[in-house]
PDB file of N, CA and C in Angstrom:
ATOM      1  N   MET A   1      -5.972  -6.652 -19.661  1.00  0.00           N
ATOM      2  CA  MET A   1      -6.636  -5.657 -18.839  1.00  0.00           C
ATOM      3  C   MET A   1      -5.821  -5.432 -17.564  1.00  0.00           C
ATOM      4  N   HIS A   2      -5.539  -4.185 -17.262  1.00  0.00           N
ATOM      5  CA  HIS A   2      -4.741  -3.849 -16.091  1.00  0.00           C
ATOM      6  C   HIS A   2      -5.608  -3.848 -14.839  1.00  0.00           C
ATOM      7  N   ARG A   3      -5.201  -4.629 -13.863  1.00  0.00           N
ATOM      8  CA  ARG A   3      -5.925  -4.655 -12.594  1.00  0.00           C
ATOM      9  C   ARG A   3      -5.614  -3.400 -11.814  1.00  0.00           C
ATOM     10  N   ARG A   4      -6.605  -2.864 -11.199  1.00  0.00           N
ATOM     11  CA  ARG A   4      -6.421  -1.690 -10.365  1.00  0.00           C
ATOM     12  C   ARG A   4      -5.647  -2.071  -9.103  1.00  0.00           C
ATOM     13  N   ARG A   5      -4.697  -1.255  -8.737  1.00  0.00           N
ATOM     14  CA  ARG A   5      -3.858  -1.508  -7.571  1.00  0.00           C
ATOM     15  C   ARG A   5      -4.261  -0.584  -6.440  1.00  0.00           C
ATOM     16  N   TYR A   6      -3.760  -0.902  -5.270  1.00  0.00           N
ATOM     17  CA  TYR A   6      -3.764   0.068  -4.190  1.00  0.00           C
ATOM     18  C   TYR A   6      -2.552   0.947  -4.475  1.00  0.00           C
ATOM     19  N   ARG A   7      -2.744   1.920  -5.363  1.00  0.00           N
ATOM     20  CA  ARG A   7      -1.611   2.717  -5.845  1.00  0.00           C
ATOM     21  C   ARG A   7      -0.910   3.454  -4.720  1.00  0.00           C
ATOM     22  N   LYS A   8      -1.656   3.980  -3.779  1.00  0.00           N
ATOM     23  CA  LYS A   8      -1.019   4.706  -2.688  1.00  0.00           C
ATOM     24  C   LYS A   8      -0.120   3.771  -1.892  1.00  0.00           C
ATOM     25  N   LEU A   9      -0.550   2.551  -1.700  1.00  0.00           N
ATOM     26  CA  LEU A   9       0.246   1.568  -0.978  1.00  0.00           C
ATOM     27  C   LEU A   9       1.560   1.312  -1.718  1.00  0.00           C
ATOM     28  N   THR A  10       1.495   1.158  -3.021  1.00  0.00           N
ATOM     29  CA  THR A  10       2.695   0.945  -3.824  1.00  0.00           C
ATOM     30  C   THR A  10       3.635   2.143  -3.731  1.00  0.00           C
ATOM     31  N   VAL A  11       3.090   3.339  -3.857  1.00  0.00           N
ATOM     32  CA  VAL A  11       3.911   4.558  -3.784  1.00  0.00           C
ATOM     33  C   VAL A  11       4.570   4.679  -2.417  1.00  0.00           C
ATOM     34  N   LEU A  12       3.808   4.478  -1.355  1.00  0.00           N
ATOM     35  CA  LEU A  12       4.372   4.579  -0.004  1.00  0.00           C
ATOM     36  C   LEU A  12       5.442   3.517   0.238  1.00  0.00           C
ATOM     37  N   ARG A  13       5.190   2.331  -0.237  1.00  0.00           N
ATOM     38  CA  ARG A  13       6.174   1.261  -0.058  1.00  0.00           C
ATOM     39  C   ARG A  13       7.494   1.643  -0.726  1.00  0.00           C
ATOM     40  N   LYS A  14       7.407   2.116  -1.952  1.00  0.00           N
ATOM     41  CA  LYS A  14       8.617   2.491  -2.681  1.00  0.00           C
ATOM     42  C   LYS A  14       9.273   3.733  -2.081  1.00  0.00           C
ATOM     43  N   LYS A  15       8.468   4.687  -1.666  1.00  0.00           N
ATOM     44  CA  LYS A  15       8.987   5.906  -1.056  1.00  0.00           C
ATOM     45  C   LYS A  15       9.772   5.591   0.217  1.00  0.00           C
ATOM     46  N   ASN A  16       9.374   4.546   0.914  1.00  0.00           N
ATOM     47  CA  ASN A  16      10.044   4.126   2.142  1.00  0.00           C
ATOM     48  C   ASN A  16      11.101   3.053   1.885  1.00  0.00           C
ATOM     49  N   ASN A  17      11.455   2.902   0.607  1.00  0.00           N
ATOM     50  CA  ASN A  17      12.494   1.944   0.199  1.00  0.00           C
ATOM     51  C   ASN A  17      12.216   0.524   0.702  1.00  0.00           C
ATOM     52  N   LEU A  18      10.961   0.138   0.618  1.00  0.00           N
ATOM     53  CA  LEU A  18      10.560  -1.207   1.011  1.00  0.00           C
ATOM     54  C   LEU A  18      10.195  -2.006  -0.237  1.00  0.00           C
ATOM     55  N   THR A  19      10.606  -3.242  -0.250  1.00  0.00           N
ATOM     56  CA  THR A  19      10.240  -4.142  -1.340  1.00  0.00           C
ATOM     57  C   THR A  19       9.003  -4.942  -0.928  1.00  0.00           C
ATOM     58  N   ILE A  20       8.450  -5.652  -1.868  1.00  0.00           N
ATOM     59  CA  ILE A  20       7.330  -6.541  -1.549  1.00  0.00           C
ATOM     60  C   ILE A  20       7.768  -7.590  -0.511  1.00  0.00           C
ATOM     61  N   PRO A  21       8.949  -8.201  -0.670  1.00  0.00           N
ATOM     62  CA  PRO A  21       9.387  -9.137   0.379  1.00  0.00           C
ATOM     63  C   PRO A  21       9.573  -8.470   1.749  1.00  0.00           C
ATOM     64  N   ASP A  22      10.031  -7.205   1.769  1.00  0.00           N
ATOM     65  CA  ASP A  22      10.157  -6.486   3.044  1.00  0.00           C
ATOM     66  C   ASP A  22       8.802  -6.355   3.728  1.00  0.00           C
ATOM     67  N   MET A  23       7.802  -5.956   2.954  1.00  0.00           N
ATOM     68  CA  MET A  23       6.457  -5.782   3.514  1.00  0.00           C
ATOM     69  C   MET A  23       5.908  -7.114   4.012  1.00  0.00           C
ATOM     70  N   ALA A  24       6.101  -8.150   3.224  1.00  0.00           N
ATOM     71  CA  ALA A  24       5.612  -9.471   3.621  1.00  0.00           C
ATOM     72  C   ALA A  24       6.250  -9.904   4.937  1.00  0.00           C
ATOM     73  N   GLU A  25       7.530  -9.648   5.082  1.00  0.00           N
ATOM     74  CA  GLU A  25       8.219 -10.018   6.318  1.00  0.00           C
ATOM     75  C   GLU A  25       7.672  -9.227   7.506  1.00  0.00           C
ATOM     76  N   LYS A  26       7.478  -7.920   7.329  1.00  0.00           N
ATOM     77  CA  LYS A  26       6.945  -7.084   8.404  1.00  0.00           C
ATOM     78  C   LYS A  26       5.549  -7.534   8.827  1.00  0.00           C
ATOM     79  N   LEU A  27       4.783  -8.037   7.870  1.00  0.00           N
ATOM     80  CA  LEU A  27       3.402  -8.446   8.135  1.00  0.00           C
ATOM     81  C   LEU A  27       3.283  -9.927   8.490  1.00  0.00           C
ATOM     82  N   ASN A  28       4.407 -10.640   8.412  1.00  0.00           N
ATOM     83  CA  ASN A  28       4.434 -12.068   8.710  1.00  0.00           C
ATOM     84  C   ASN A  28       3.500 -12.864   7.785  1.00  0.00           C
ATOM     85  N   ILE A  29       3.573 -12.530   6.502  1.00  0.00           N
ATOM     86  CA  ILE A  29       2.800 -13.235   5.471  1.00  0.00           C
ATOM     87  C   ILE A  29       3.746 -13.565   4.320  1.00  0.00           C
ATOM     88  N   SER A  30       3.298 -14.346   3.381  1.00  0.00           N
ATOM     89  CA  SER A  30       4.145 -14.693   2.244  1.00  0.00           C
ATOM     90  C   SER A  30       4.252 -13.514   1.278  1.00  0.00           C
ATOM     91  N   THR A  31       5.327 -13.516   0.525  1.00  0.00           N
ATOM     92  CA  THR A  31       5.536 -12.487  -0.498  1.00  0.00           C
ATOM     93  C   THR A  31       4.406 -12.515  -1.522  1.00  0.00           C
ATOM     94  N   ALA A  32       4.006 -13.706  -1.919  1.00  0.00           N
ATOM     95  CA  ALA A  32       2.923 -13.844  -2.903  1.00  0.00           C
ATOM     96  C   ALA A  32       1.622 -13.253  -2.363  1.00  0.00           C
ATOM     97  N   TYR A  33       1.333 -13.526  -1.108  1.00  0.00           N
ATOM     98  CA  TYR A  33       0.095 -13.009  -0.527  1.00  0.00           C
ATOM     99  C   TYR A  33       0.114 -11.476  -0.473  1.00  0.00           C
ATOM    100  N   TYR A  34       1.242 -10.902  -0.052  1.00  0.00           N
ATOM    101  CA  TYR A  34       1.320  -9.433  -0.011  1.00  0.00           C
ATOM    102  C   TYR A  34       1.155  -8.842  -1.407  1.00  0.00           C
ATOM    103  N   SER A  35       1.821  -9.429  -2.369  1.00  0.00           N
ATOM    104  CA  SER A  35       1.710  -8.948  -3.749  1.00  0.00           C
ATOM    105  C   SER A  35       0.256  -8.974  -4.216  1.00  0.00           C
ATOM    106  N   GLN A  36      -0.461 -10.019  -3.833  1.00  0.00           N
ATOM    107  CA  GLN A  36      -1.870 -10.135  -4.211  1.00  0.00           C
ATOM    108  C   GLN A  36      -2.731  -9.091  -3.514  1.00  0.00           C
ATOM    109  N   ILE A  37      -2.359  -8.691  -2.319  1.00  0.00           N
ATOM    110  CA  ILE A  37      -3.083  -7.602  -1.639  1.00  0.00           C
ATOM    111  C   ILE A  37      -2.868  -6.307  -2.408  1.00  0.00           C
ATOM    112  N   GLU A  38      -1.605  -6.019  -2.729  1.00  0.00           N
ATOM    113  CA  GLU A  38      -1.279  -4.758  -3.392  1.00  0.00           C
ATOM    114  C   GLU A  38      -1.921  -4.653  -4.769  1.00  0.00           C
ATOM    115  N   THR A  39      -2.089  -5.768  -5.445  1.00  0.00           N
ATOM    116  CA  THR A  39      -2.703  -5.760  -6.778  1.00  0.00           C
ATOM    117  C   THR A  39      -4.205  -6.066  -6.732  1.00  0.00           C
ATOM    118  N   LYS A  40      -4.754  -6.085  -5.532  1.00  0.00           N
ATOM    119  CA  LYS A  40      -6.189  -6.333  -5.307  1.00  0.00           C
ATOM    120  C   LYS A  40      -6.675  -7.686  -5.812  1.00  0.00           C
ATOM    121  N   LYS A  41      -5.791  -8.661  -5.823  1.00  0.00           N
ATOM    122  CA  LYS A  41      -6.208 -10.016  -6.180  1.00  0.00           C
ATOM    123  C   LYS A  41      -6.718 -10.759  -4.951  1.00  0.00           C
ATOM    124  N   LYS A  42      -6.320 -10.305  -3.788  1.00  0.00           N
ATOM    125  CA  LYS A  42      -6.811 -10.849  -2.517  1.00  0.00           C
ATOM    126  C   LYS A  42      -7.536  -9.745  -1.774  1.00  0.00           C
ATOM    127  N   ARG A  43      -8.602 -10.102  -1.136  1.00  0.00           N
ATOM    128  CA  ARG A  43      -9.364  -9.148  -0.336  1.00  0.00           C
ATOM    129  C   ARG A  43      -8.552  -8.770   0.897  1.00  0.00           C
ATOM    130  N   LEU A  44      -8.564  -7.506   1.203  1.00  0.00           N
ATOM    131  CA  LEU A  44      -7.826  -6.985   2.340  1.00  0.00           C
ATOM    132  C   LEU A  44      -8.695  -7.042   3.587  1.00  0.00           C
ATOM    133  N   SER A  45      -8.225  -7.759   4.606  1.00  0.00           N
ATOM    134  CA  SER A  45      -8.976  -7.823   5.859  1.00  0.00           C
ATOM    135  C   SER A  45      -8.728  -6.545   6.652  1.00  0.00           C
ATOM    136  N   TYR A  46      -9.630  -6.254   7.574  1.00  0.00           N
ATOM    137  CA  TYR A  46      -9.468  -5.064   8.411  1.00  0.00           C
ATOM    138  C   TYR A  46      -8.210  -5.171   9.263  1.00  0.00           C
ATOM    139  N   ASP A  47      -7.954  -6.350   9.823  1.00  0.00           N
ATOM    140  CA  ASP A  47      -6.752  -6.537  10.642  1.00  0.00           C
ATOM    141  C   ASP A  47      -5.483  -6.280   9.831  1.00  0.00           C
ATOM    142  N   MET A  48      -5.455  -6.765   8.591  1.00  0.00           N
ATOM    143  CA  MET A  48      -4.283  -6.550   7.738  1.00  0.00           C
ATOM    144  C   MET A  48      -4.157  -5.070   7.381  1.00  0.00           C
ATOM    145  N   ALA A  49      -5.289  -4.404   7.137  1.00  0.00           N
ATOM    146  CA  ALA A  49      -5.260  -2.965   6.849  1.00  0.00           C
ATOM    147  C   ALA A  49      -4.676  -2.192   8.031  1.00  0.00           C
ATOM    148  N   LEU A  50      -5.024  -2.603   9.251  1.00  0.00           N
ATOM    149  CA  LEU A  50      -4.465  -1.966  10.445  1.00  0.00           C
ATOM    150  C   LEU A  50      -2.955  -2.170  10.519  1.00  0.00           C
ATOM    151  N   LYS A  51      -2.503  -3.391  10.259  1.00  0.00           N
ATOM    152  CA  LYS A  51      -1.075  -3.700  10.316  1.00  0.00           C
ATOM    153  C   LYS A  51      -0.291  -2.904   9.265  1.00  0.00           C
ATOM    154  N   ILE A  52      -0.844  -2.829   8.065  1.00  0.00           N
ATOM    155  CA  ILE A  52      -0.173  -2.082   6.997  1.00  0.00           C
ATOM    156  C   ILE A  52      -0.152  -0.596   7.349  1.00  0.00           C
ATOM    157  N   GLY A  53      -1.271  -0.090   7.843  1.00  0.00           N
ATOM    158  CA  GLY A  53      -1.328   1.313   8.252  1.00  0.00           C
ATOM    159  C   GLY A  53      -0.305   1.641   9.316  1.00  0.00           C
ATOM    160  N   LYS A  54      -0.115   0.727  10.247  1.00  0.00           N
ATOM    161  CA  LYS A  54       0.851   0.939  11.335  1.00  0.00           C
ATOM    162  C   LYS A  54       2.275   1.094  10.792  1.00  0.00           C
ATOM    163  N   ILE A  55       2.608   0.350   9.757  1.00  0.00           N
ATOM    164  CA  ILE A  55       3.940   0.445   9.151  1.00  0.00           C
ATOM    165  C   ILE A  55       4.201   1.862   8.648  1.00  0.00           C
ATOM    166  N   PHE A  56       3.167   2.498   8.103  1.00  0.00           N
ATOM    167  CA  PHE A  56       3.311   3.836   7.526  1.00  0.00           C
ATOM    168  C   PHE A  56       2.770   4.939   8.443  1.00  0.00           C
ATOM    169  N   ASN A  57       2.420   4.573   9.678  1.00  0.00           N
ATOM    170  CA  ASN A  57       1.848   5.529  10.637  1.00  0.00           C
ATOM    171  C   ASN A  57       0.613   6.234  10.076  1.00  0.00           C
ATOM    172  N   LEU A  58      -0.250   5.458   9.438  1.00  0.00           N
ATOM    173  CA  LEU A  58      -1.493   5.976   8.865  1.00  0.00           C
ATOM    174  C   LEU A  58      -2.662   5.109   9.318  1.00  0.00           C
ATOM    175  N   LYS A  59      -3.827   5.722   9.408  1.00  0.00           N
ATOM    176  CA  LYS A  59      -5.052   4.959   9.649  1.00  0.00           C
ATOM    177  C   LYS A  59      -5.431   4.269   8.346  1.00  0.00           C
ATOM    178  N   PRO A  60      -6.083   3.114   8.427  1.00  0.00           N
ATOM    179  CA  PRO A  60      -6.474   2.426   7.188  1.00  0.00           C
ATOM    180  C   PRO A  60      -7.259   3.321   6.218  1.00  0.00           C
ATOM    181  N   ASP A  61      -8.144   4.160   6.748  1.00  0.00           N
ATOM    182  CA  ASP A  61      -8.913   5.050   5.865  1.00  0.00           C
ATOM    183  C   ASP A  61      -7.999   5.984   5.084  1.00  0.00           C
ATOM    184  N   GLU A  62      -6.957   6.482   5.730  1.00  0.00           N
ATOM    185  CA  GLU A  62      -6.017   7.390   5.058  1.00  0.00           C
ATOM    186  C   GLU A  62      -5.218   6.650   3.990  1.00  0.00           C
ATOM    187  N   LEU A  63      -4.965   5.396   4.225  1.00  0.00           N
ATOM    188  CA  LEU A  63      -4.142   4.614   3.313  1.00  0.00           C
ATOM    189  C   LEU A  63      -4.928   4.054   2.132  1.00  0.00           C
ATOM    190  N   PHE A  64      -6.118   3.544   2.394  1.00  0.00           N
ATOM    191  CA  PHE A  64      -6.843   2.839   1.350  1.00  0.00           C
ATOM    192  C   PHE A  64      -8.040   3.582   0.763  1.00  0.00           C
ATOM    193  N   PHE A  65      -8.541   4.605   1.460  1.00  0.00           N
ATOM    194  CA  PHE A  65      -9.761   5.244   0.982  1.00  0.00           C
ATOM    195  C   PHE A  65      -9.645   6.753   0.849  1.00  0.00           C
ATOM    196  N   GLU A  66      -8.424   7.259   0.854  1.00  0.00           N
ATOM    197  CA  GLU A  66      -8.239   8.703   0.750  1.00  0.00           C
ATOM    198  C   GLU A  66      -8.750   9.200  -0.592  1.00  0.00           C
ATOM    199  N   ASP A  67      -9.289  10.371  -0.569  1.00  0.00           N
ATOM    200  CA  ASP A  67      -9.847  10.950  -1.792  1.00  0.00           C
ATOM    201  C   ASP A  67      -8.775  11.062  -2.878  1.00  0.00           C
ATOM    202  N   GLU A  68      -9.160  10.749  -4.100  1.00  0.00           N
ATOM    203  CA  GLU A  68      -8.253  10.633  -5.244  1.00  0.00           C
ATOM    204  C   GLU A  68      -7.469  11.918  -5.508  1.00  0.00           C
ATOM    205  N   VAL A  69      -8.061  13.070  -5.284  1.00  0.00           N
ATOM    206  CA  VAL A  69      -7.376  14.347  -5.526  1.00  0.00           C
ATOM    207  C   VAL A  69      -6.146  14.480  -4.636  1.00  0.00           C
ATOM    208  N   ASN A  70      -6.290  14.173  -3.357  1.00  0.00           N
ATOM    209  CA  ASN A  70      -5.160  14.252  -2.444  1.00  0.00           C
ATOM    210  C   ASN A  70      -4.065  13.266  -2.825  1.00  0.00           C
ATOM    211  N   PHE A  71      -4.450  12.079  -3.271  1.00  0.00           N
ATOM    212  CA  PHE A  71      -3.458  11.093  -3.669  1.00  0.00           C
ATOM    213  C   PHE A  71      -2.670  11.576  -4.882  1.00  0.00           C
ATOM    214  N   LYS A  72      -3.353  12.165  -5.845  1.00  0.00           N
ATOM    215  CA  LYS A  72      -2.651  12.645  -7.036  1.00  0.00           C
ATOM    216  C   LYS A  72      -1.616  13.702  -6.674  1.00  0.00           C
ATOM    217  N   LYS A  73      -1.935  14.577  -5.730  1.00  0.00           N
ATOM    218  CA  LYS A  73      -0.972  15.586  -5.280  1.00  0.00           C
ATOM    219  C   LYS A  73       0.238  14.920  -4.639  1.00  0.00           C
ATOM    220  N   GLU A  74       0.007  13.942  -3.783  1.00  0.00           N
ATOM    221  CA  GLU A  74       1.095  13.242  -3.116  1.00  0.00           C
ATOM    222  C   GLU A  74       1.968  12.513  -4.132  1.00  0.00           C
ATOM    223  N   LYS A  75       1.346  11.894  -5.112  1.00  0.00           N
ATOM    224  CA  LYS A  75       2.080  11.162  -6.143  1.00  0.00           C
ATOM    225  C   LYS A  75       2.964  12.121  -6.941  1.00  0.00           C
ATOM    226  N   GLU A  76       2.430  13.276  -7.305  1.00  0.00           N
ATOM    227  CA  GLU A  76       3.209  14.266  -8.044  1.00  0.00           C
ATOM    228  C   GLU A  76       4.407  14.746  -7.229  1.00  0.00           C
ATOM    229  N   GLN A  77       4.216  14.971  -5.928  1.00  0.00           N
ATOM    230  CA  GLN A  77       5.318  15.387  -5.073  1.00  0.00           C
ATOM    231  C   GLN A  77       6.391  14.323  -5.030  1.00  0.00           C
ATOM    232  N   TYR A  78       5.979  13.071  -4.937  1.00  0.00           N
ATOM    233  CA  TYR A  78       6.940  11.959  -4.893  1.00  0.00           C
ATOM    234  C   TYR A  78       7.713  11.882  -6.203  1.00  0.00           C
ATOM    235  N   ILE A  79       7.024  11.990  -7.315  1.00  0.00           N
ATOM    236  CA  ILE A  79       7.660  11.888  -8.630  1.00  0.00           C
ATOM    237  C   ILE A  79       8.635  13.042  -8.856  1.00  0.00           C
ATOM    238  N   ASN A  80       8.281  14.225  -8.351  1.00  0.00           N
ATOM    239  CA  ASN A  80       9.119  15.412  -8.586  1.00  0.00           C
ATOM    240  C   ASN A  80      10.246  15.581  -7.583  1.00  0.00           C
ATOM    241  N   GLN A  81      10.467  14.615  -6.712  1.00  0.00           N
ATOM    242  CA  GLN A  81      11.557  14.708  -5.732  1.00  0.00           C
ATOM    243  C   GLN A  81      12.901  14.567  -6.394  1.00  0.00           C
TER     244      GLN A  81
END
């Protein structure tokens, strides 16, 4: 069974040429812990959501709770680049 990811987070990370270890370093957490956040195996704290949002210049709501229709458009634009 495929675990649901924070897909927008994955897309933004890759779009900005960041690896999971890069993100972990920026957030001062372990690579394993960051990977677990992205794959929703670890609960995301509000403070961590703020830190991640700051990396991408987005509010946590824009990053983690944006309406699915807008995300699909952004994903298509990224794929078609």
